Amino acid sequence: MSPIEETLVEAFLDEASALETIMADLYSSFEKSFAEDALFWKQLADEELNHAALIQNVKSDPEVSKWFVHDAPDDLVKETVKTMEWATSLVIKYSEEKPDRLTAFNTAIEVEKTAWELHYQSLMTKKSDKWFVDIVQELNKYDRDHLRRINLYIKEKNIT
């Protein structure tokens, strides 16, 4: 990777890490708002913080960094920035006015369907012959499938 490419990848990974942190903030606000679901939201918030830390650690190795952004849609950077602005606005909005329980879960579903989250999920489940991919995926093994888990929780708890 050229120095310019390396700088761009690093900047993108910083944005992605910041987005994961904002998502953790959003889920933490839901944890505080809904006692009956607090453990569920806490787990998701903690996992988003783990994602942020993992992304920051990825930056230390150019080969791993490059893998993290390979096969990314062309507009992923733009979409990630837009998602970060949107998620930030949600954190502010819900800190001022608590959403109802169903709105919180629907918001989480929307967040987990964003381009960055889908890309991250794809990276964490994609088969690879690279040793570092196995390590990254193993580190993230229990911190993935948020969308599926949210939908399952809604169904199990009959949240309507």
C-alpha atoms as a PDB file:
ATOM      1  CA  MET A   1       0.000   0.000   0.000  1.00  0.00           C
ATOM      2  CA  SER A   2       1.243   3.460  -0.805  1.00  0.00           C
ATOM      3  CA  PRO A   3       1.540   6.003   2.040  1.00  0.00           C
ATOM      4  CA  ILE A   4      -1.539   7.817   0.714  1.00  0.00           C
ATOM      5  CA  GLU A   5      -3.582   4.600   0.567  1.00  0.00           C
ATOM      6  CA  GLU A   6      -2.380   3.695   4.040  1.00  0.00           C
ATOM      7  CA  THR A   7      -3.453   7.100   5.377  1.00  0.00           C
ATOM      8  CA  LEU A   8      -6.883   6.795   3.737  1.00  0.00           C
ATOM      9  CA  VAL A   9      -7.413   3.290   5.111  1.00  0.00           C
ATOM     10  CA  GLU A  10      -6.346   4.446   8.575  1.00  0.00           C
ATOM     11  CA  ALA A  11      -8.723   7.421   8.426  1.00  0.00           C
ATOM     12  CA  PHE A  12     -11.570   5.174   7.330  1.00  0.00           C
ATOM     13  CA  LEU A  13     -10.854   2.722  10.141  1.00  0.00           C
ATOM     14  CA  ASP A  14     -10.909   5.641  12.606  1.00  0.00           C
ATOM     15  CA  GLU A  15     -14.369   6.596  11.311  1.00  0.00           C
ATOM     16  CA  ALA A  16     -15.564   2.990  11.525  1.00  0.00           C
ATOM     17  CA  SER A  17     -14.262   2.677  15.081  1.00  0.00           C
ATOM     18  CA  ALA A  18     -15.963   5.939  16.052  1.00  0.00           C
ATOM     19  CA  LEU A  19     -19.225   4.652  14.576  1.00  0.00           C
ATOM     20  CA  GLU A  20     -19.002   1.480  16.658  1.00  0.00           C
ATOM     21  CA  THR A  21     -18.494   3.651  19.761  1.00  0.00           C
ATOM     22  CA  ILE A  22     -21.526   5.782  18.912  1.00  0.00           C
ATOM     23  CA  MET A  23     -23.587   2.634  18.454  1.00  0.00           C
ATOM     24  CA  ALA A  24     -22.427   1.488  21.882  1.00  0.00           C
ATOM     25  CA  ASP A  25     -23.624   4.838  23.253  1.00  0.00           C
ATOM     26  CA  LEU A  26     -27.013   4.323  21.615  1.00  0.00           C
ATOM     27  CA  TYR A  27     -27.390   0.830  23.058  1.00  0.00           C
ATOM     28  CA  SER A  28     -26.233   2.094  26.466  1.00  0.00           C
ATOM     29  CA  SER A  29     -28.996   4.692  26.388  1.00  0.00           C
ATOM     30  CA  PHE A  30     -31.493   1.892  25.715  1.00  0.00           C
ATOM     31  CA  GLU A  31     -29.970  -0.092  28.590  1.00  0.00           C
ATOM     32  CA  LYS A  32     -30.714   2.813  30.941  1.00  0.00           C
ATOM     33  CA  SER A  33     -34.201   3.333  29.533  1.00  0.00           C
ATOM     34  CA  PHE A  34     -35.521  -0.233  29.612  1.00  0.00           C
ATOM     35  CA  ALA A  35     -34.854  -2.153  32.814  1.00  0.00           C
ATOM     36  CA  GLU A  36     -36.556  -5.266  31.434  1.00  0.00           C
ATOM     37  CA  ASP A  37     -34.053  -5.390  28.561  1.00  0.00           C
ATOM     38  CA  ALA A  38     -31.017  -3.868  30.290  1.00  0.00           C
ATOM     39  CA  LEU A  39     -28.822  -6.983  30.115  1.00  0.00           C
ATOM     40  CA  PHE A  40     -29.538  -7.421  26.413  1.00  0.00           C
ATOM     41  CA  TRP A  41     -28.697  -3.799  25.607  1.00  0.00           C
ATOM     42  CA  LYS A  42     -25.597  -3.879  27.834  1.00  0.00           C
ATOM     43  CA  GLN A  43     -24.301  -6.936  25.996  1.00  0.00           C
ATOM     44  CA  LEU A  44     -24.785  -5.263  22.607  1.00  0.00           C
ATOM     45  CA  ALA A  45     -23.165  -2.029  23.837  1.00  0.00           C
ATOM     46  CA  ASP A  46     -20.166  -3.944  25.179  1.00  0.00           C
ATOM     47  CA  GLU A  47     -19.843  -5.816  21.892  1.00  0.00           C
ATOM     48  CA  GLU A  48     -19.895  -2.578  19.904  1.00  0.00           C
ATOM     49  CA  LEU A  49     -17.064  -1.285  22.109  1.00  0.00           C
ATOM     50  CA  ASN A  50     -15.202  -4.527  21.418  1.00  0.00           C
ATOM     51  CA  HIS A  51     -15.683  -3.920  17.688  1.00  0.00           C
ATOM     52  CA  ALA A  52     -14.267  -0.399  18.072  1.00  0.00           C
ATOM     53  CA  ALA A  53     -11.213  -1.726  19.929  1.00  0.00           C
ATOM     54  CA  LEU A  54     -10.701  -4.488  17.374  1.00  0.00           C
ATOM     55  CA  ILE A  55     -10.791  -1.965  14.526  1.00  0.00           C
ATOM     56  CA  GLN A  56      -8.245   0.237  16.318  1.00  0.00           C
ATOM     57  CA  ASN A  57      -5.961  -2.784  16.754  1.00  0.00           C
ATOM     58  CA  VAL A  58      -6.309  -3.690  13.072  1.00  0.00           C
ATOM     59  CA  LYS A  59      -4.734  -0.353  12.146  1.00  0.00           C
ATOM     60  CA  SER A  60      -1.369  -1.494  13.505  1.00  0.00           C
ATOM     61  CA  ASP A  61      -0.855  -3.921  10.605  1.00  0.00           C
ATOM     62  CA  PRO A  62      -1.134  -2.640   7.009  1.00  0.00           C
ATOM     63  CA  GLU A  63      -1.981  -6.107   5.650  1.00  0.00           C
ATOM     64  CA  VAL A  64      -4.837  -6.564   8.114  1.00  0.00           C
ATOM     65  CA  SER A  65      -6.000  -2.986   7.526  1.00  0.00           C
ATOM     66  CA  LYS A  66      -6.100  -3.586   3.790  1.00  0.00           C
ATOM     67  CA  TRP A  67      -8.102  -6.791   4.303  1.00  0.00           C
ATOM     68  CA  PHE A  68     -10.572  -4.907   6.476  1.00  0.00           C
ATOM     69  CA  VAL A  69     -11.494  -2.570   3.620  1.00  0.00           C
ATOM     70  CA  HIS A  70     -11.084  -4.924   0.656  1.00  0.00           C
ATOM     71  CA  ASP A  71     -14.268  -5.784  -1.216  1.00  0.00           C
ATOM     72  CA  ALA A  72     -15.893  -2.768   0.408  1.00  0.00           C
ATOM     73  CA  PRO A  73     -18.576  -1.043  -1.637  1.00  0.00           C
ATOM     74  CA  ASP A  74     -17.285   2.136  -3.298  1.00  0.00           C
ATOM     75  CA  ASP A  75     -19.581   4.329  -1.242  1.00  0.00           C
ATOM     76  CA  LEU A  76     -18.851   2.658   2.113  1.00  0.00           C
ATOM     77  CA  VAL A  77     -16.847   5.611   3.456  1.00  0.00           C
ATOM     78  CA  LYS A  78     -19.593   8.076   2.556  1.00  0.00           C
ATOM     79  CA  GLU A  79     -22.270   5.770   3.956  1.00  0.00           C
ATOM     80  CA  THR A  80     -20.286   5.263   7.167  1.00  0.00           C
ATOM     81  CA  VAL A  81     -20.002   9.019   7.710  1.00  0.00           C
ATOM     82  CA  LYS A  82     -23.744   9.443   7.043  1.00  0.00           C
ATOM     83  CA  THR A  83     -24.535   6.595   9.439  1.00  0.00           C
ATOM     84  CA  MET A  84     -22.329   8.154  12.103  1.00  0.00           C
ATOM     85  CA  GLU A  85     -24.164  11.482  11.787  1.00  0.00           C
ATOM     86  CA  TRP A  86     -27.521   9.702  11.926  1.00  0.00           C
ATOM     87  CA  ALA A  87     -26.544   7.513  14.907  1.00  0.00           C
ATOM     88  CA  THR A  88     -25.199  10.572  16.742  1.00  0.00           C
ATOM     89  CA  SER A  89     -28.486  12.380  16.170  1.00  0.00           C
ATOM     90  CA  LEU A  90     -30.333   9.350  17.579  1.00  0.00           C
ATOM     91  CA  VAL A  91     -28.182   9.318  20.714  1.00  0.00           C
ATOM     92  CA  ILE A  92     -28.958  13.012  21.238  1.00  0.00           C
ATOM     93  CA  LYS A  93     -32.655  12.599  20.436  1.00  0.00           C
ATOM     94  CA  TYR A  94     -33.128   9.612  22.744  1.00  0.00           C
ATOM     95  CA  SER A  95     -31.182  11.260  25.555  1.00  0.00           C
ATOM     96  CA  GLU A  96     -33.712  14.097  25.445  1.00  0.00           C
ATOM     97  CA  GLU A  97     -36.807  11.998  24.863  1.00  0.00           C
ATOM     98  CA  LYS A  98     -36.912   8.310  25.726  1.00  0.00           C
ATOM     99  CA  PRO A  99     -38.279   6.181  22.868  1.00  0.00           C
ATOM    100  CA  ASP A 100     -40.851   3.510  23.504  1.00  0.00           C
ATOM    101  CA  ARG A 101     -39.574  -0.051  23.708  1.00  0.00           C
ATOM    102  CA  LEU A 102     -40.589  -1.075  20.179  1.00  0.00           C
ATOM    103  CA  THR A 103     -39.002   2.061  18.701  1.00  0.00           C
ATOM    104  CA  ALA A 104     -35.735   1.222  20.467  1.00  0.00           C
ATOM    105  CA  PHE A 105     -35.681  -2.254  18.936  1.00  0.00           C
ATOM    106  CA  ASN A 106     -36.693  -1.006  15.493  1.00  0.00           C
ATOM    107  CA  THR A 107     -33.936   1.608  15.697  1.00  0.00           C
ATOM    108  CA  ALA A 108     -31.402  -1.097  16.571  1.00  0.00           C
ATOM    109  CA  ILE A 109     -32.554  -3.123  13.562  1.00  0.00           C
ATOM    110  CA  GLU A 110     -32.127  -0.081  11.297  1.00  0.00           C
ATOM    111  CA  VAL A 111     -28.648   0.554  12.701  1.00  0.00           C
ATOM    112  CA  GLU A 112     -27.600  -3.059  12.208  1.00  0.00           C
ATOM    113  CA  LYS A 113     -28.755  -2.932   8.571  1.00  0.00           C
ATOM    114  CA  THR A 114     -26.438  -0.041   7.678  1.00  0.00           C
ATOM    115  CA  ALA A 115     -23.723  -0.529   5.071  1.00  0.00           C
ATOM    116  CA  TRP A 116     -20.874  -0.516   7.619  1.00  0.00           C
ATOM    117  CA  GLU A 117     -22.518  -3.089   9.891  1.00  0.00           C
ATOM    118  CA  LEU A 118     -23.300  -5.378   6.953  1.00  0.00           C
ATOM    119  CA  HIS A 119     -19.710  -5.053   5.737  1.00  0.00           C
ATOM    120  CA  TYR A 120     -18.367  -5.786   9.228  1.00  0.00           C
ATOM    121  CA  GLN A 121     -20.638  -8.830   9.560  1.00  0.00           C
ATOM    122  CA  SER A 122     -19.485 -10.076   6.171  1.00  0.00           C
ATOM    123  CA  LEU A 123     -15.833  -9.754   7.203  1.00  0.00           C
ATOM    124  CA  MET A 124     -16.448 -11.669  10.420  1.00  0.00           C
ATOM    125  CA  THR A 125     -18.059 -14.623   8.649  1.00  0.00           C
ATOM    126  CA  LYS A 126     -16.193 -14.764   5.331  1.00  0.00           C
ATOM    127  CA  LYS A 127     -13.910 -17.746   4.733  1.00  0.00           C
ATOM    128  CA  SER A 128     -10.265 -16.867   4.176  1.00  0.00           C
ATOM    129  CA  ASP A 129      -6.911 -18.581   3.946  1.00  0.00           C
ATOM    130  CA  LYS A 130      -5.123 -15.794   5.811  1.00  0.00           C
ATOM    131  CA  TRP A 131      -3.974 -16.577   9.347  1.00  0.00           C
ATOM    132  CA  PHE A 132      -4.797 -13.114  10.672  1.00  0.00           C
ATOM    133  CA  VAL A 133      -8.397 -13.384   9.432  1.00  0.00           C
ATOM    134  CA  ASP A 134      -8.853 -16.499  11.562  1.00  0.00           C
ATOM    135  CA  ILE A 135      -7.540 -14.608  14.598  1.00  0.00           C
ATOM    136  CA  VAL A 136      -9.746 -11.549  14.020  1.00  0.00           C
ATOM    137  CA  GLN A 137     -12.790 -13.745  13.451  1.00  0.00           C
ATOM    138  CA  GLU A 138     -12.038 -15.841  16.534  1.00  0.00           C
ATOM    139  CA  LEU A 139     -11.693 -12.702  18.658  1.00  0.00           C
ATOM    140  CA  ASN A 140     -15.079 -11.559  17.381  1.00  0.00           C
ATOM    141  CA  LYS A 141     -16.799 -14.960  17.446  1.00  0.00           C
ATOM    142  CA  TYR A 142     -19.271 -14.135  20.207  1.00  0.00           C
ATOM    143  CA  ASP A 143     -19.714 -10.476  19.282  1.00  0.00           C
ATOM    144  CA  ARG A 144     -21.525 -10.813  15.984  1.00  0.00           C
ATOM    145  CA  ASP A 145     -24.904 -11.525  14.427  1.00  0.00           C
ATOM    146  CA  HIS A 146     -26.518  -8.549  16.165  1.00  0.00           C
ATOM    147  CA  LEU A 147     -29.332  -8.232  13.647  1.00  0.00           C
ATOM    148  CA  ARG A 148     -30.286 -11.880  14.006  1.00  0.00           C
ATOM    149  CA  ARG A 149     -30.048 -11.707  17.792  1.00  0.00           C
ATOM    150  CA  ILE A 150     -32.161  -8.550  18.006  1.00  0.00           C
ATOM    151  CA  ASN A 151     -34.881 -10.111  15.872  1.00  0.00           C
ATOM    152  CA  LEU A 152     -34.762 -13.307  17.930  1.00  0.00           C
ATOM    153  CA  TYR A 153     -35.015 -11.347  21.189  1.00  0.00           C
ATOM    154  CA  ILE A 154     -38.025  -9.403  19.885  1.00  0.00           C
ATOM    155  CA  LYS A 155     -39.713 -12.655  18.970  1.00  0.00           C
ATOM    156  CA  GLU A 156     -38.854 -14.412  22.259  1.00  0.00           C
ATOM    157  CA  LYS A 157     -40.044 -11.454  24.369  1.00  0.00           C
ATOM    158  CA  ASN A 158     -43.059 -10.834  22.125  1.00  0.00           C
ATOM    159  CA  ILE A 159     -42.209  -7.150  21.731  1.00  0.00           C
ATOM    160  CA  THR A 160     -44.903  -5.503  19.621  1.00  0.00           C
END
